[in-house]
PDB file of N, CA and C in Angstrom:
ATOM      1  N   MET A   1      12.132  37.042  -3.576  1.00  0.00           N
ATOM      2  CA  MET A   1      11.639  35.713  -3.894  1.00  0.00           C
ATOM      3  C   MET A   1      12.539  35.080  -4.950  1.00  0.00           C
ATOM      4  N   SER A   2      12.940  33.886  -4.717  1.00  0.00           N
ATOM      5  CA  SER A   2      13.809  33.147  -5.623  1.00  0.00           C
ATOM      6  C   SER A   2      12.988  32.428  -6.687  1.00  0.00           C
ATOM      7  N   VAL A   3      13.609  32.198  -7.839  1.00  0.00           N
ATOM      8  CA  VAL A   3      12.920  31.456  -8.893  1.00  0.00           C
ATOM      9  C   VAL A   3      12.732  30.000  -8.503  1.00  0.00           C
ATOM     10  N   HIS A   4      13.406  29.559  -7.467  1.00  0.00           N
ATOM     11  CA  HIS A   4      13.300  28.168  -7.036  1.00  0.00           C
ATOM     12  C   HIS A   4      12.320  27.971  -5.890  1.00  0.00           C
ATOM     13  N   ASP A   5      11.569  28.997  -5.530  1.00  0.00           N
ATOM     14  CA  ASP A   5      10.606  28.847  -4.439  1.00  0.00           C
ATOM     15  C   ASP A   5       9.588  27.766  -4.738  1.00  0.00           C
ATOM     16  N   GLY A   6       9.271  27.547  -6.013  1.00  0.00           N
ATOM     17  CA  GLY A   6       8.327  26.506  -6.389  1.00  0.00           C
ATOM     18  C   GLY A   6       8.825  25.113  -6.073  1.00  0.00           C
ATOM     19  N   CYS A   7      10.101  24.968  -5.842  1.00  0.00           N
ATOM     20  CA  CYS A   7      10.673  23.657  -5.543  1.00  0.00           C
ATOM     21  C   CYS A   7      10.291  23.174  -4.152  1.00  0.00           C
ATOM     22  N   ALA A   8       9.818  24.073  -3.323  1.00  0.00           N
ATOM     23  CA  ALA A   8       9.441  23.698  -1.965  1.00  0.00           C
ATOM     24  C   ALA A   8       8.019  23.144  -1.906  1.00  0.00           C
ATOM     25  N   ALA A   9       7.340  23.126  -3.052  1.00  0.00           N
ATOM     26  CA  ALA A   9       5.954  22.656  -3.084  1.00  0.00           C
ATOM     27  C   ALA A   9       5.859  21.223  -2.583  1.00  0.00           C
ATOM     28  N   SER A  10       4.797  20.960  -1.845  1.00  0.00           N
ATOM     29  CA  SER A  10       4.546  19.583  -1.411  1.00  0.00           C
ATOM     30  C   SER A  10       3.270  19.112  -2.088  1.00  0.00           C
ATOM     31  N   PHE A  11       3.233  17.840  -2.387  1.00  0.00           N
ATOM     32  CA  PHE A  11       2.110  17.255  -3.103  1.00  0.00           C
ATOM     33  C   PHE A  11       1.491  16.159  -2.253  1.00  0.00           C
ATOM     34  N   ASN A  12       0.169  16.092  -2.278  1.00  0.00           N
ATOM     35  CA  ASN A  12      -0.542  15.076  -1.498  1.00  0.00           C
ATOM     36  C   ASN A  12      -0.519  13.710  -2.158  1.00  0.00           C
ATOM     37  N   ASP A  13      -0.460  13.699  -3.505  1.00  0.00           N
ATOM     38  CA  ASP A  13      -0.474  12.410  -4.198  1.00  0.00           C
ATOM     39  C   ASP A  13       0.117  12.560  -5.600  1.00  0.00           C
ATOM     40  N   GLY A  14       0.215  11.439  -6.293  1.00  0.00           N
ATOM     41  CA  GLY A  14       0.801  11.426  -7.622  1.00  0.00           C
ATOM     42  C   GLY A  14       0.021  12.222  -8.641  1.00  0.00           C
ATOM     43  N   LYS A  15      -1.303  12.306  -8.480  1.00  0.00           N
ATOM     44  CA  LYS A  15      -2.114  13.066  -9.422  1.00  0.00           C
ATOM     45  C   LYS A  15      -1.739  14.546  -9.392  1.00  0.00           C
ATOM     46  N   GLU A  16      -1.441  15.063  -8.214  1.00  0.00           N
ATOM     47  CA  GLU A  16      -1.023  16.464  -8.102  1.00  0.00           C
ATOM     48  C   GLU A  16       0.319  16.693  -8.791  1.00  0.00           C
ATOM     49  N   VAL A  17       1.221  15.721  -8.690  1.00  0.00           N
ATOM     50  CA  VAL A  17       2.524  15.837  -9.359  1.00  0.00           C
ATOM     51  C   VAL A  17       2.330  15.818 -10.871  1.00  0.00           C
ATOM     52  N   VAL A  18       1.517  14.882 -11.365  1.00  0.00           N
ATOM     53  CA  VAL A  18       1.248  14.808 -12.803  1.00  0.00           C
ATOM     54  C   VAL A  18       0.598  16.104 -13.290  1.00  0.00           C
ATOM     55  N   ASP A  19      -0.391  16.598 -12.556  1.00  0.00           N
ATOM     56  CA  ASP A  19      -1.055  17.839 -12.941  1.00  0.00           C
ATOM     57  C   ASP A  19      -0.065  18.996 -13.026  1.00  0.00           C
ATOM     58  N   LYS A  20       0.841  19.091 -12.060  1.00  0.00           N
ATOM     59  CA  LYS A  20       1.840  20.164 -12.026  1.00  0.00           C
ATOM     60  C   LYS A  20       2.786  20.065 -13.224  1.00  0.00           C
ATOM     61  N   VAL A  21       3.278  18.858 -13.512  1.00  0.00           N
ATOM     62  CA  VAL A  21       4.202  18.659 -14.636  1.00  0.00           C
ATOM     63  C   VAL A  21       3.508  19.008 -15.951  1.00  0.00           C
ATOM     64  N   ARG A  22       2.247  18.595 -16.098  1.00  0.00           N
ATOM     65  CA  ARG A  22       1.497  18.918 -17.308  1.00  0.00           C
ATOM     66  C   ARG A  22       1.267  20.427 -17.422  1.00  0.00           C
ATOM     67  N   MET A  23       0.895  21.061 -16.310  1.00  0.00           N
ATOM     68  CA  MET A  23       0.630  22.500 -16.301  1.00  0.00           C
ATOM     69  C   MET A  23       1.891  23.292 -16.686  1.00  0.00           C
ATOM     70  N   MET A  24       3.042  22.815 -16.247  1.00  0.00           N
ATOM     71  CA  MET A  24       4.309  23.488 -16.531  1.00  0.00           C
ATOM     72  C   MET A  24       4.791  23.224 -17.960  1.00  0.00           C
ATOM     73  N   GLY A  25       4.175  22.258 -18.650  1.00  0.00           N
ATOM     74  CA  GLY A  25       4.578  21.929 -20.005  1.00  0.00           C
ATOM     75  C   GLY A  25       5.774  21.010 -20.096  1.00  0.00           C
ATOM     76  N   PHE A  26       6.068  20.286 -19.017  1.00  0.00           N
ATOM     77  CA  PHE A  26       7.243  19.413 -18.982  1.00  0.00           C
ATOM     78  C   PHE A  26       6.933  17.936 -19.241  1.00  0.00           C
ATOM     79  N   ALA A  27       5.677  17.558 -19.320  1.00  0.00           N
ATOM     80  CA  ALA A  27       5.294  16.148 -19.358  1.00  0.00           C
ATOM     81  C   ALA A  27       6.065  15.339 -20.401  1.00  0.00           C
ATOM     82  N   ALA A  28       6.178  15.853 -21.622  1.00  0.00           N
ATOM     83  CA  ALA A  28       6.821  15.099 -22.700  1.00  0.00           C
ATOM     84  C   ALA A  28       8.320  15.369 -22.815  1.00  0.00           C
ATOM     85  N   GLN A  29       8.849  16.241 -21.985  1.00  0.00           N
ATOM     86  CA  GLN A  29      10.267  16.579 -22.078  1.00  0.00           C
ATOM     87  C   GLN A  29      11.126  15.520 -21.399  1.00  0.00           C
ATOM     88  N   PRO A  30      12.300  15.267 -21.949  1.00  0.00           N
ATOM     89  CA  PRO A  30      13.185  14.263 -21.336  1.00  0.00           C
ATOM     90  C   PRO A  30      13.772  14.738 -20.012  1.00  0.00           C
ATOM     91  N   LEU A  31      13.964  13.781 -19.123  1.00  0.00           N
ATOM     92  CA  LEU A  31      14.637  14.061 -17.854  1.00  0.00           C
ATOM     93  C   LEU A  31      16.099  14.405 -18.125  1.00  0.00           C
ATOM     94  N   PRO A  32      16.752  15.147 -17.222  1.00  0.00           N
ATOM     95  CA  PRO A  32      18.182  15.423 -17.388  1.00  0.00           C
ATOM     96  C   PRO A  32      18.990  14.128 -17.501  1.00  0.00           C
ATOM     97  N   MET A  33      18.554  13.107 -16.758  1.00  0.00           N
ATOM     98  CA  MET A  33      19.175  11.788 -16.816  1.00  0.00           C
ATOM     99  C   MET A  33      18.075  10.761 -16.538  1.00  0.00           C
ATOM    100  N   PRO A  34      17.889   9.765 -17.429  1.00  0.00           N
ATOM    101  CA  PRO A  34      16.863   8.747 -17.175  1.00  0.00           C
ATOM    102  C   PRO A  34      17.099   8.046 -15.840  1.00  0.00           C
ATOM    103  N   MET A  35      16.000   7.615 -15.227  1.00  0.00           N
ATOM    104  CA  MET A  35      16.082   6.939 -13.925  1.00  0.00           C
ATOM    105  C   MET A  35      15.416   5.575 -13.998  1.00  0.00           C
ATOM    106  N   ASP A  36      15.982   4.618 -13.299  1.00  0.00           N
ATOM    107  CA  ASP A  36      15.333   3.323 -13.135  1.00  0.00           C
ATOM    108  C   ASP A  36      14.416   3.437 -11.928  1.00  0.00           C
ATOM    109  N   ILE A  37      13.120   3.149 -12.143  1.00  0.00           N
ATOM    110  CA  ILE A  37      12.152   3.242 -11.048  1.00  0.00           C
ATOM    111  C   ILE A  37      11.321   1.968 -10.974  1.00  0.00           C
ATOM    112  N   GLU A  38      10.586   1.851  -9.896  1.00  0.00           N
ATOM    113  CA  GLU A  38       9.648   0.752  -9.717  1.00  0.00           C
ATOM    114  C   GLU A  38       8.243   1.323  -9.824  1.00  0.00           C
ATOM    115  N   CYS A  39       7.396   0.673 -10.609  1.00  0.00           N
ATOM    116  CA  CYS A  39       6.027   1.135 -10.794  1.00  0.00           C
ATOM    117  C   CYS A  39       5.298   1.167  -9.460  1.00  0.00           C
ATOM    118  N   GLY A  40       4.619   2.278  -9.200  1.00  0.00           N
ATOM    119  CA  GLY A  40       3.849   2.429  -7.979  1.00  0.00           C
ATOM    120  C   GLY A  40       2.560   1.634  -7.986  1.00  0.00           C
ATOM    121  N   ASN A  41       2.210   1.060  -9.130  1.00  0.00           N
ATOM    122  CA  ASN A  41       0.981   0.289  -9.247  1.00  0.00           C
ATOM    123  C   ASN A  41       1.247  -1.214  -9.258  1.00  0.00           C
ATOM    124  N   CYS A  42       2.101  -1.675 -10.192  1.00  0.00           N
ATOM    125  CA  CYS A  42       2.305  -3.127 -10.349  1.00  0.00           C
ATOM    126  C   CYS A  42       3.669  -3.614  -9.857  1.00  0.00           C
ATOM    127  N   GLY A  43       4.574  -2.691  -9.548  1.00  0.00           N
ATOM    128  CA  GLY A  43       5.882  -3.074  -9.019  1.00  0.00           C
ATOM    129  C   GLY A  43       6.936  -3.407 -10.058  1.00  0.00           C
ATOM    130  N   SER A  44       6.599  -3.319 -11.342  1.00  0.00           N
ATOM    131  CA  SER A  44       7.582  -3.604 -12.396  1.00  0.00           C
ATOM    132  C   SER A  44       8.661  -2.527 -12.422  1.00  0.00           C
ATOM    133  N   ALA A  45       9.878  -2.939 -12.721  1.00  0.00           N
ATOM    134  CA  ALA A  45      10.984  -1.995 -12.870  1.00  0.00           C
ATOM    135  C   ALA A  45      11.027  -1.525 -14.316  1.00  0.00           C
ATOM    136  N   PHE A  46      11.242  -0.216 -14.507  1.00  0.00           N
ATOM    137  CA  PHE A  46      11.376   0.323 -15.859  1.00  0.00           C
ATOM    138  C   PHE A  46      12.177   1.608 -15.831  1.00  0.00           C
ATOM    139  N   GLU A  47      12.604   2.043 -17.014  1.00  0.00           N
ATOM    140  CA  GLU A  47      13.369   3.282 -17.121  1.00  0.00           C
ATOM    141  C   GLU A  47      12.427   4.447 -17.397  1.00  0.00           C
ATOM    142  N   MET A  48      12.511   5.451 -16.557  1.00  0.00           N
ATOM    143  CA  MET A  48      11.741   6.676 -16.738  1.00  0.00           C
ATOM    144  C   MET A  48      12.622   7.648 -17.501  1.00  0.00           C
ATOM    145  N   ALA A  49      12.175   8.050 -18.706  1.00  0.00           N
ATOM    146  CA  ALA A  49      12.988   8.912 -19.550  1.00  0.00           C
ATOM    147  C   ALA A  49      12.454  10.341 -19.640  1.00  0.00           C
ATOM    148  N   ASN A  50      11.144  10.524 -19.416  1.00  0.00           N
ATOM    149  CA  ASN A  50      10.518  11.845 -19.488  1.00  0.00           C
ATOM    150  C   ASN A  50       9.950  12.221 -18.122  1.00  0.00           C
ATOM    151  N   PHE A  51       9.622  13.494 -17.961  1.00  0.00           N
ATOM    152  CA  PHE A  51       9.053  13.948 -16.682  1.00  0.00           C
ATOM    153  C   PHE A  51       7.729  13.237 -16.374  1.00  0.00           C
ATOM    154  N   GLU A  52       7.007  12.827 -17.420  1.00  0.00           N
ATOM    155  CA  GLU A  52       5.831  11.979 -17.257  1.00  0.00           C
ATOM    156  C   GLU A  52       6.052  10.733 -18.100  1.00  0.00           C
ATOM    157  N   THR A  53       5.938   9.575 -17.481  1.00  0.00           N
ATOM    158  CA  THR A  53       6.196   8.309 -18.165  1.00  0.00           C
ATOM    159  C   THR A  53       5.181   7.275 -17.699  1.00  0.00           C
ATOM    160  N   ASN A  54       4.699   6.459 -18.642  1.00  0.00           N
ATOM    161  CA  ASN A  54       3.786   5.373 -18.296  1.00  0.00           C
ATOM    162  C   ASN A  54       4.561   4.084 -18.095  1.00  0.00           C
ATOM    163  N   CYS A  55       4.147   3.293 -17.138  1.00  0.00           N
ATOM    164  CA  CYS A  55       4.729   1.966 -16.928  1.00  0.00           C
ATOM    165  C   CYS A  55       4.429   1.122 -18.164  1.00  0.00           C
ATOM    166  N   PRO A  56       5.445   0.465 -18.728  1.00  0.00           N
ATOM    167  CA  PRO A  56       5.209  -0.354 -19.919  1.00  0.00           C
ATOM    168  C   PRO A  56       4.376  -1.613 -19.641  1.00  0.00           C
ATOM    169  N   GLU A  57       4.277  -2.025 -18.393  1.00  0.00           N
ATOM    170  CA  GLU A  57       3.520  -3.235 -18.051  1.00  0.00           C
ATOM    171  C   GLU A  57       2.042  -2.951 -17.804  1.00  0.00           C
ATOM    172  N   CYS A  58       1.736  -1.916 -17.027  1.00  0.00           N
ATOM    173  CA  CYS A  58       0.337  -1.686 -16.626  1.00  0.00           C
ATOM    174  C   CYS A  58      -0.203  -0.317 -17.038  1.00  0.00           C
ATOM    175  N   SER A  59       0.637   0.513 -17.634  1.00  0.00           N
ATOM    176  CA  SER A  59       0.266   1.858 -18.099  1.00  0.00           C
ATOM    177  C   SER A  59      -0.006   2.867 -16.985  1.00  0.00           C
ATOM    178  N   ALA A  60       0.406   2.588 -15.757  1.00  0.00           N
ATOM    179  CA  ALA A  60       0.259   3.575 -14.691  1.00  0.00           C
ATOM    180  C   ALA A  60       1.107   4.802 -15.024  1.00  0.00           C
ATOM    181  N   VAL A  61       0.557   5.976 -14.790  1.00  0.00           N
ATOM    182  CA  VAL A  61       1.232   7.231 -15.087  1.00  0.00           C
ATOM    183  C   VAL A  61       2.118   7.617 -13.900  1.00  0.00           C
ATOM    184  N   HIS A  62       3.380   7.950 -14.187  1.00  0.00           N
ATOM    185  CA  HIS A  62       4.341   8.391 -13.175  1.00  0.00           C
ATOM    186  C   HIS A  62       4.877   9.749 -13.583  1.00  0.00           C
ATOM    187  N   ALA A  63       5.184  10.587 -12.599  1.00  0.00           N
ATOM    188  CA  ALA A  63       5.740  11.909 -12.905  1.00  0.00           C
ATOM    189  C   ALA A  63       6.666  12.364 -11.787  1.00  0.00           C
ATOM    190  N   VAL A  64       7.536  13.302 -12.163  1.00  0.00           N
ATOM    191  CA  VAL A  64       8.434  13.940 -11.211  1.00  0.00           C
ATOM    192  C   VAL A  64       8.617  15.387 -11.671  1.00  0.00           C
ATOM    193  N   THR A  65       8.658  16.312 -10.723  1.00  0.00           N
ATOM    194  CA  THR A  65       8.846  17.713 -11.080  1.00  0.00           C
ATOM    195  C   THR A  65      10.310  17.973 -11.430  1.00  0.00           C
ATOM    196  N   PRO A  66      10.562  18.993 -12.255  1.00  0.00           N
ATOM    197  CA  PRO A  66      11.950  19.295 -12.632  1.00  0.00           C
ATOM    198  C   PRO A  66      12.864  19.529 -11.434  1.00  0.00           C
ATOM    199  N   CYS A  67      12.349  20.132 -10.373  1.00  0.00           N
ATOM    200  CA  CYS A  67      13.169  20.406  -9.187  1.00  0.00           C
ATOM    201  C   CYS A  67      13.641  19.127  -8.492  1.00  0.00           C
ATOM    202  N   HIS A  68      12.894  18.051  -8.678  1.00  0.00           N
ATOM    203  CA  HIS A  68      13.164  16.812  -7.951  1.00  0.00           C
ATOM    204  C   HIS A  68      13.530  15.654  -8.874  1.00  0.00           C
ATOM    205  N   ALA A  69      13.955  15.974 -10.094  1.00  0.00           N
ATOM    206  CA  ALA A  69      14.175  14.952 -11.120  1.00  0.00           C
ATOM    207  C   ALA A  69      15.496  14.205 -11.003  1.00  0.00           C
ATOM    208  N   PHE A  70      16.179  14.337  -9.888  1.00  0.00           N
ATOM    209  CA  PHE A  70      17.473  13.660  -9.748  1.00  0.00           C
ATOM    210  C   PHE A  70      17.427  12.521  -8.746  1.00  0.00           C
ATOM    211  N   ASP A  71      16.250  12.246  -8.196  1.00  0.00           N
ATOM    212  CA  ASP A  71      16.116  11.196  -7.184  1.00  0.00           C
ATOM    213  C   ASP A  71      14.857  10.380  -7.464  1.00  0.00           C
ATOM    214  N   PRO A  72      15.005   9.089  -7.776  1.00  0.00           N
ATOM    215  CA  PRO A  72      13.840   8.243  -8.047  1.00  0.00           C
ATOM    216  C   PRO A  72      12.824   8.218  -6.901  1.00  0.00           C
ATOM    217  N   ALA A  73      13.246   8.532  -5.693  1.00  0.00           N
ATOM    218  CA  ALA A  73      12.326   8.538  -4.552  1.00  0.00           C
ATOM    219  C   ALA A  73      11.257   9.624  -4.698  1.00  0.00           C
ATOM    220  N   ASN A  74      11.508  10.614  -5.558  1.00  0.00           N
ATOM    221  CA  ASN A  74      10.561  11.708  -5.753  1.00  0.00           C
ATOM    222  C   ASN A  74       9.524  11.429  -6.839  1.00  0.00           C
ATOM    223  N   VAL A  75       9.672  10.330  -7.561  1.00  0.00           N
ATOM    224  CA  VAL A  75       8.710   9.975  -8.605  1.00  0.00           C
ATOM    225  C   VAL A  75       7.430   9.482  -7.936  1.00  0.00           C
ATOM    226  N   LYS A  76       6.285   9.992  -8.421  1.00  0.00           N
ATOM    227  CA  LYS A  76       4.988   9.599  -7.863  1.00  0.00           C
ATOM    228  C   LYS A  76       4.129   8.991  -8.955  1.00  0.00           C
ATOM    229  N   SER A  77       3.307   8.026  -8.563  1.00  0.00           N
ATOM    230  CA  SER A  77       2.384   7.384  -9.492  1.00  0.00           C
ATOM    231  C   SER A  77       0.993   7.960  -9.298  1.00  0.00           C
ATOM    232  N   ALA A  78       0.330   8.246 -10.439  1.00  0.00           N
ATOM    233  CA  ALA A  78      -1.041   8.764 -10.405  1.00  0.00           C
ATOM    234  C   ALA A  78      -2.051   7.679 -10.739  1.00  0.00           C
ATOM    235  N   GLY A  79      -1.573   6.475 -11.000  1.00  0.00           N
ATOM    236  CA  GLY A  79      -2.463   5.374 -11.314  1.00  0.00           C
ATOM    237  C   GLY A  79      -2.629   5.152 -12.819  1.00  0.00           C
ATOM    238  N   VAL A  80      -3.320   4.092 -13.149  1.00  0.00           N
ATOM    239  CA  VAL A  80      -3.530   3.704 -14.549  1.00  0.00           C
ATOM    240  C   VAL A  80      -4.531   4.648 -15.201  1.00  0.00           C
ATOM    241  N   GLY A  81      -4.183   5.120 -16.376  1.00  0.00           N
ATOM    242  CA  GLY A  81      -5.096   5.927 -17.165  1.00  0.00           C
ATOM    243  C   GLY A  81      -5.290   7.356 -16.730  1.00  0.00           C
ATOM    244  N   TYR A  82      -4.461   7.846 -15.815  1.00  0.00           N
ATOM    245  CA  TYR A  82      -4.638   9.227 -15.372  1.00  0.00           C
ATOM    246  C   TYR A  82      -4.148  10.202 -16.411  1.00  0.00           C
TER     247      TYR A  82
END
């Protein structure tokens, strides 16, 4: 078994991604490289700097797992206040 087997995990929604990032202890850690993303709730563009980041316009929570932190398409929104 490889240490990267967890990278194959699939998530049903953004809440599962946020839960996973929080469980792993990565939520407040900076991404390897910040990404420009579009909010999944209000559509505003903003820079995501940490594995878990809130939209500055509507406070929707967004997250990405460390395995997938190099592609903005992998960022998922869990909604406002999650």
